[in-house]
């Protein structure tokens, strides 16, 4: 079953601390078995469910090609090399890897060059894992990755 997700928007002039506090106290996610959050002022994305999950929300911003290449596995470089100058694609690639790393439980412990993006999964599935990309707001990309219940 797909986890529930909600996008939160704070009023103009709000601080990141206010955004984080609001997302951390999201009523529907309170008490959920698994919760994941991502913040990109003025937005936060909150997901919750009964299985491991992760979300990431990114603003589409231009990056250097060197950065794009530095986050790719060798297979991704071969498959996506011609798209690494596309800011939307690179933002989505990064967000997919961040969401997967969060779902796996150690977002800081994974090297993106060794973590295959859900962008390359067949029908957005890999074993017991599923993923979905979406555009929650103009100039933003987001991914949710979750483990299917066994």
C-alpha atoms as a PDB file:
ATOM      1  CA  UNK A   1       0.000   0.000   0.000  1.00  0.00           C
ATOM      2  CA  UNK A   2       1.291   3.433  -0.946  1.00  0.00           C
ATOM      3  CA  UNK A   3       2.110   5.724   1.983  1.00  0.00           C
ATOM      4  CA  UNK A   4       0.129   8.889   2.589  1.00  0.00           C
ATOM      5  CA  UNK A   5       1.830  12.163   1.650  1.00  0.00           C
ATOM      6  CA  UNK A   6       1.006  15.777   2.251  1.00  0.00           C
ATOM      7  CA  UNK A   7       2.623  18.985   1.095  1.00  0.00           C
ATOM      8  CA  UNK A   8       2.769  21.792   3.646  1.00  0.00           C
ATOM      9  CA  UNK A   9       3.274  25.413   2.648  1.00  0.00           C
ATOM     10  CA  UNK A  10       4.107  28.138   5.153  1.00  0.00           C
ATOM     11  CA  UNK A  11       3.280  31.822   4.651  1.00  0.00           C
ATOM     12  CA  UNK A  12       5.825  34.092   3.027  1.00  0.00           C
ATOM     13  CA  UNK A  13       8.302  35.347   5.602  1.00  0.00           C
ATOM     14  CA  UNK A  14       8.239  32.133   7.655  1.00  0.00           C
ATOM     15  CA  UNK A  15      11.535  30.694   8.787  1.00  0.00           C
ATOM     16  CA  UNK A  16      12.871  27.220   8.121  1.00  0.00           C
ATOM     17  CA  UNK A  17      12.573  26.514  11.848  1.00  0.00           C
ATOM     18  CA  UNK A  18       8.852  27.338  11.689  1.00  0.00           C
ATOM     19  CA  UNK A  19       8.437  25.102   8.635  1.00  0.00           C
ATOM     20  CA  UNK A  20      10.221  22.201  10.340  1.00  0.00           C
ATOM     21  CA  UNK A  21       8.170  22.608  13.526  1.00  0.00           C
ATOM     22  CA  UNK A  22       4.924  22.568  11.557  1.00  0.00           C
ATOM     23  CA  UNK A  23       5.947  19.460   9.600  1.00  0.00           C
ATOM     24  CA  UNK A  24       7.077  17.627  12.743  1.00  0.00           C
ATOM     25  CA  UNK A  25       3.686  18.121  14.368  1.00  0.00           C
ATOM     26  CA  UNK A  26       1.604  17.134  11.346  1.00  0.00           C
ATOM     27  CA  UNK A  27      -1.541  15.634  12.922  1.00  0.00           C
ATOM     28  CA  UNK A  28      -2.073  12.774  10.449  1.00  0.00           C
ATOM     29  CA  UNK A  29       1.548  11.631  10.735  1.00  0.00           C
ATOM     30  CA  UNK A  30       1.607  11.784  14.523  1.00  0.00           C
ATOM     31  CA  UNK A  31       1.802   8.264  15.860  1.00  0.00           C
ATOM     32  CA  UNK A  32       2.420   6.667  12.452  1.00  0.00           C
ATOM     33  CA  UNK A  33       4.778   3.703  12.451  1.00  0.00           C
ATOM     34  CA  UNK A  34       7.061   5.276   9.819  1.00  0.00           C
ATOM     35  CA  UNK A  35       7.361   8.982   8.964  1.00  0.00           C
ATOM     36  CA  UNK A  36       9.668  10.811   6.577  1.00  0.00           C
ATOM     37  CA  UNK A  37       9.992  14.543   5.979  1.00  0.00           C
ATOM     38  CA  UNK A  38      11.766  16.827   3.548  1.00  0.00           C
ATOM     39  CA  UNK A  39      12.026  20.606   3.651  1.00  0.00           C
ATOM     40  CA  UNK A  40      12.601  23.234   0.979  1.00  0.00           C
ATOM     41  CA  UNK A  41      11.306  26.599   2.181  1.00  0.00           C
ATOM     42  CA  UNK A  42       8.430  27.480   1.825  1.00  0.00           C
ATOM     43  CA  UNK A  43       7.442  23.809   1.416  1.00  0.00           C
ATOM     44  CA  UNK A  44       7.685  20.630   3.427  1.00  0.00           C
ATOM     45  CA  UNK A  45       6.697  17.161   2.301  1.00  0.00           C
ATOM     46  CA  UNK A  46       5.545  14.699   4.955  1.00  0.00           C
ATOM     47  CA  UNK A  47       4.870  10.996   4.307  1.00  0.00           C
ATOM     48  CA  UNK A  48       3.675   8.324   6.712  1.00  0.00           C
ATOM     49  CA  UNK A  49       2.725   4.686   6.557  1.00  0.00           C
ATOM     50  CA  UNK A  50       3.122   1.177   7.971  1.00  0.00           C
ATOM     51  CA  UNK A  51       6.327   0.228   6.127  1.00  0.00           C
ATOM     52  CA  UNK A  52       9.741   1.798   5.727  1.00  0.00           C
ATOM     53  CA  UNK A  53       9.584   4.882   3.546  1.00  0.00           C
ATOM     54  CA  UNK A  54      11.470   7.977   2.530  1.00  0.00           C
ATOM     55  CA  UNK A  55      10.690  11.256   0.794  1.00  0.00           C
ATOM     56  CA  UNK A  56      12.731  14.039  -0.687  1.00  0.00           C
ATOM     57  CA  UNK A  57      11.631  17.388  -2.050  1.00  0.00           C
ATOM     58  CA  UNK A  58      13.983  19.526  -4.135  1.00  0.00           C
ATOM     59  CA  UNK A  59      13.765  22.884  -5.836  1.00  0.00           C
ATOM     60  CA  UNK A  60      14.887  22.617  -9.458  1.00  0.00           C
ATOM     61  CA  UNK A  61      18.177  24.490  -9.669  1.00  0.00           C
ATOM     62  CA  UNK A  62      20.965  24.460 -12.210  1.00  0.00           C
ATOM     63  CA  UNK A  63      23.984  22.405 -11.175  1.00  0.00           C
ATOM     64  CA  UNK A  64      27.425  21.862 -12.590  1.00  0.00           C
ATOM     65  CA  UNK A  65      27.787  18.765 -14.730  1.00  0.00           C
ATOM     66  CA  UNK A  66      30.599  17.635 -12.407  1.00  0.00           C
ATOM     67  CA  UNK A  67      28.079  17.432  -9.556  1.00  0.00           C
ATOM     68  CA  UNK A  68      25.631  15.463 -11.700  1.00  0.00           C
ATOM     69  CA  UNK A  69      28.337  13.000 -12.672  1.00  0.00           C
ATOM     70  CA  UNK A  70      29.508  12.693  -9.061  1.00  0.00           C
ATOM     71  CA  UNK A  71      26.145  11.325  -7.896  1.00  0.00           C
ATOM     72  CA  UNK A  72      25.759   8.706 -10.625  1.00  0.00           C
ATOM     73  CA  UNK A  73      26.561   5.019 -10.535  1.00  0.00           C
ATOM     74  CA  UNK A  74      28.548   3.797 -13.576  1.00  0.00           C
ATOM     75  CA  UNK A  75      25.322   2.351 -15.047  1.00  0.00           C
ATOM     76  CA  UNK A  76      23.534   5.691 -14.562  1.00  0.00           C
ATOM     77  CA  UNK A  77      26.354   7.566 -16.274  1.00  0.00           C
ATOM     78  CA  UNK A  78      25.955   5.253 -19.267  1.00  0.00           C
ATOM     79  CA  UNK A  79      22.150   5.433 -19.295  1.00  0.00           C
ATOM     80  CA  UNK A  80      21.585   9.080 -18.373  1.00  0.00           C
ATOM     81  CA  UNK A  81      24.786  10.822 -19.518  1.00  0.00           C
ATOM     82  CA  UNK A  82      23.090  12.948 -22.165  1.00  0.00           C
ATOM     83  CA  UNK A  83      20.522  14.208 -19.618  1.00  0.00           C
ATOM     84  CA  UNK A  84      22.977  15.406 -16.971  1.00  0.00           C
ATOM     85  CA  UNK A  85      22.800  19.005 -18.185  1.00  0.00           C
ATOM     86  CA  UNK A  86      19.023  19.127 -17.577  1.00  0.00           C
ATOM     87  CA  UNK A  87      18.391  20.798 -14.199  1.00  0.00           C
ATOM     88  CA  UNK A  88      14.998  19.137 -13.711  1.00  0.00           C
ATOM     89  CA  UNK A  89      16.422  15.696 -14.452  1.00  0.00           C
ATOM     90  CA  UNK A  90      19.412  16.125 -12.104  1.00  0.00           C
ATOM     91  CA  UNK A  91      17.177  17.481  -9.316  1.00  0.00           C
ATOM     92  CA  UNK A  92      14.905  14.470  -9.740  1.00  0.00           C
ATOM     93  CA  UNK A  93      17.856  12.071  -9.794  1.00  0.00           C
ATOM     94  CA  UNK A  94      19.185  13.542  -6.542  1.00  0.00           C
ATOM     95  CA  UNK A  95      15.741  13.545  -4.890  1.00  0.00           C
ATOM     96  CA  UNK A  96      15.145   9.906  -5.832  1.00  0.00           C
ATOM     97  CA  UNK A  97      18.436   8.836  -4.265  1.00  0.00           C
ATOM     98  CA  UNK A  98      17.787  10.888  -1.122  1.00  0.00           C
ATOM     99  CA  UNK A  99      14.300   9.386  -0.708  1.00  0.00           C
ATOM    100  CA  UNK A 100      15.694   5.872  -1.164  1.00  0.00           C
ATOM    101  CA  UNK A 101      18.515   6.474   1.333  1.00  0.00           C
ATOM    102  CA  UNK A 102      15.979   7.728   3.889  1.00  0.00           C
ATOM    103  CA  UNK A 103      13.777   4.671   3.307  1.00  0.00           C
ATOM    104  CA  UNK A 104      16.772   2.382   3.812  1.00  0.00           C
ATOM    105  CA  UNK A 105      17.321   4.043   7.179  1.00  0.00           C
ATOM    106  CA  UNK A 106      20.653   5.865   6.903  1.00  0.00           C
ATOM    107  CA  UNK A 107      20.490   8.850   4.543  1.00  0.00           C
ATOM    108  CA  UNK A 108      23.946  10.116   5.495  1.00  0.00           C
ATOM    109  CA  UNK A 109      25.559   6.691   5.240  1.00  0.00           C
ATOM    110  CA  UNK A 110      24.907   6.032   1.564  1.00  0.00           C
ATOM    111  CA  UNK A 111      27.268   7.116  -1.189  1.00  0.00           C
ATOM    112  CA  UNK A 112      25.067   8.280  -4.088  1.00  0.00           C
ATOM    113  CA  UNK A 113      27.615   6.816  -6.548  1.00  0.00           C
ATOM    114  CA  UNK A 114      26.794   3.376  -5.140  1.00  0.00           C
ATOM    115  CA  UNK A 115      23.023   3.769  -4.702  1.00  0.00           C
ATOM    116  CA  UNK A 116      21.017   3.098  -7.867  1.00  0.00           C
ATOM    117  CA  UNK A 117      18.289   5.673  -8.387  1.00  0.00           C
ATOM    118  CA  UNK A 118      14.644   4.648  -8.643  1.00  0.00           C
ATOM    119  CA  UNK A 119      14.746   6.511 -11.981  1.00  0.00           C
ATOM    120  CA  UNK A 120      16.294   3.348 -13.389  1.00  0.00           C
ATOM    121  CA  UNK A 121      13.887   0.885 -11.811  1.00  0.00           C
ATOM    122  CA  UNK A 122      11.561  -0.979 -14.166  1.00  0.00           C
ATOM    123  CA  UNK A 123       7.998   0.260 -13.564  1.00  0.00           C
ATOM    124  CA  UNK A 124       9.268   2.127 -10.461  1.00  0.00           C
ATOM    125  CA  UNK A 125       9.877  -1.184  -8.637  1.00  0.00           C
ATOM    126  CA  UNK A 126      12.940  -3.022  -7.347  1.00  0.00           C
ATOM    127  CA  UNK A 127      12.261  -6.183  -5.364  1.00  0.00           C
ATOM    128  CA  UNK A 128      10.027  -5.236  -2.444  1.00  0.00           C
ATOM    129  CA  UNK A 129      10.551  -1.497  -3.056  1.00  0.00           C
ATOM    130  CA  UNK A 130       8.350   0.932  -4.960  1.00  0.00           C
ATOM    131  CA  UNK A 131       8.824   4.579  -5.864  1.00  0.00           C
ATOM    132  CA  UNK A 132       6.855   7.468  -7.331  1.00  0.00           C
ATOM    133  CA  UNK A 133       8.017  10.794  -8.682  1.00  0.00           C
ATOM    134  CA  UNK A 134       5.751  13.808  -8.615  1.00  0.00           C
ATOM    135  CA  UNK A 135       5.812  17.571  -9.014  1.00  0.00           C
ATOM    136  CA  UNK A 136       4.325  19.002  -5.840  1.00  0.00           C
ATOM    137  CA  UNK A 137       4.711  22.657  -6.867  1.00  0.00           C
ATOM    138  CA  UNK A 138       6.123  24.681  -9.758  1.00  0.00           C
ATOM    139  CA  UNK A 139       9.895  24.325 -10.043  1.00  0.00           C
ATOM    140  CA  UNK A 140       9.993  21.460  -7.518  1.00  0.00           C
ATOM    141  CA  UNK A 141      10.395  17.701  -7.818  1.00  0.00           C
ATOM    142  CA  UNK A 142       9.748  15.066  -5.194  1.00  0.00           C
ATOM    143  CA  UNK A 143      10.035  11.337  -4.715  1.00  0.00           C
ATOM    144  CA  UNK A 144       8.490   8.912  -2.286  1.00  0.00           C
ATOM    145  CA  UNK A 145      10.044   5.454  -1.886  1.00  0.00           C
ATOM    146  CA  UNK A 146       8.489   2.723   0.229  1.00  0.00           C
ATOM    147  CA  UNK A 147       8.791  -0.936   1.016  1.00  0.00           C
ATOM    148  CA  UNK A 148       5.830  -3.066   0.053  1.00  0.00           C
ATOM    149  CA  UNK A 149       4.311  -4.961   2.947  1.00  0.00           C
ATOM    150  CA  UNK A 150       5.261  -8.643   2.802  1.00  0.00           C
END
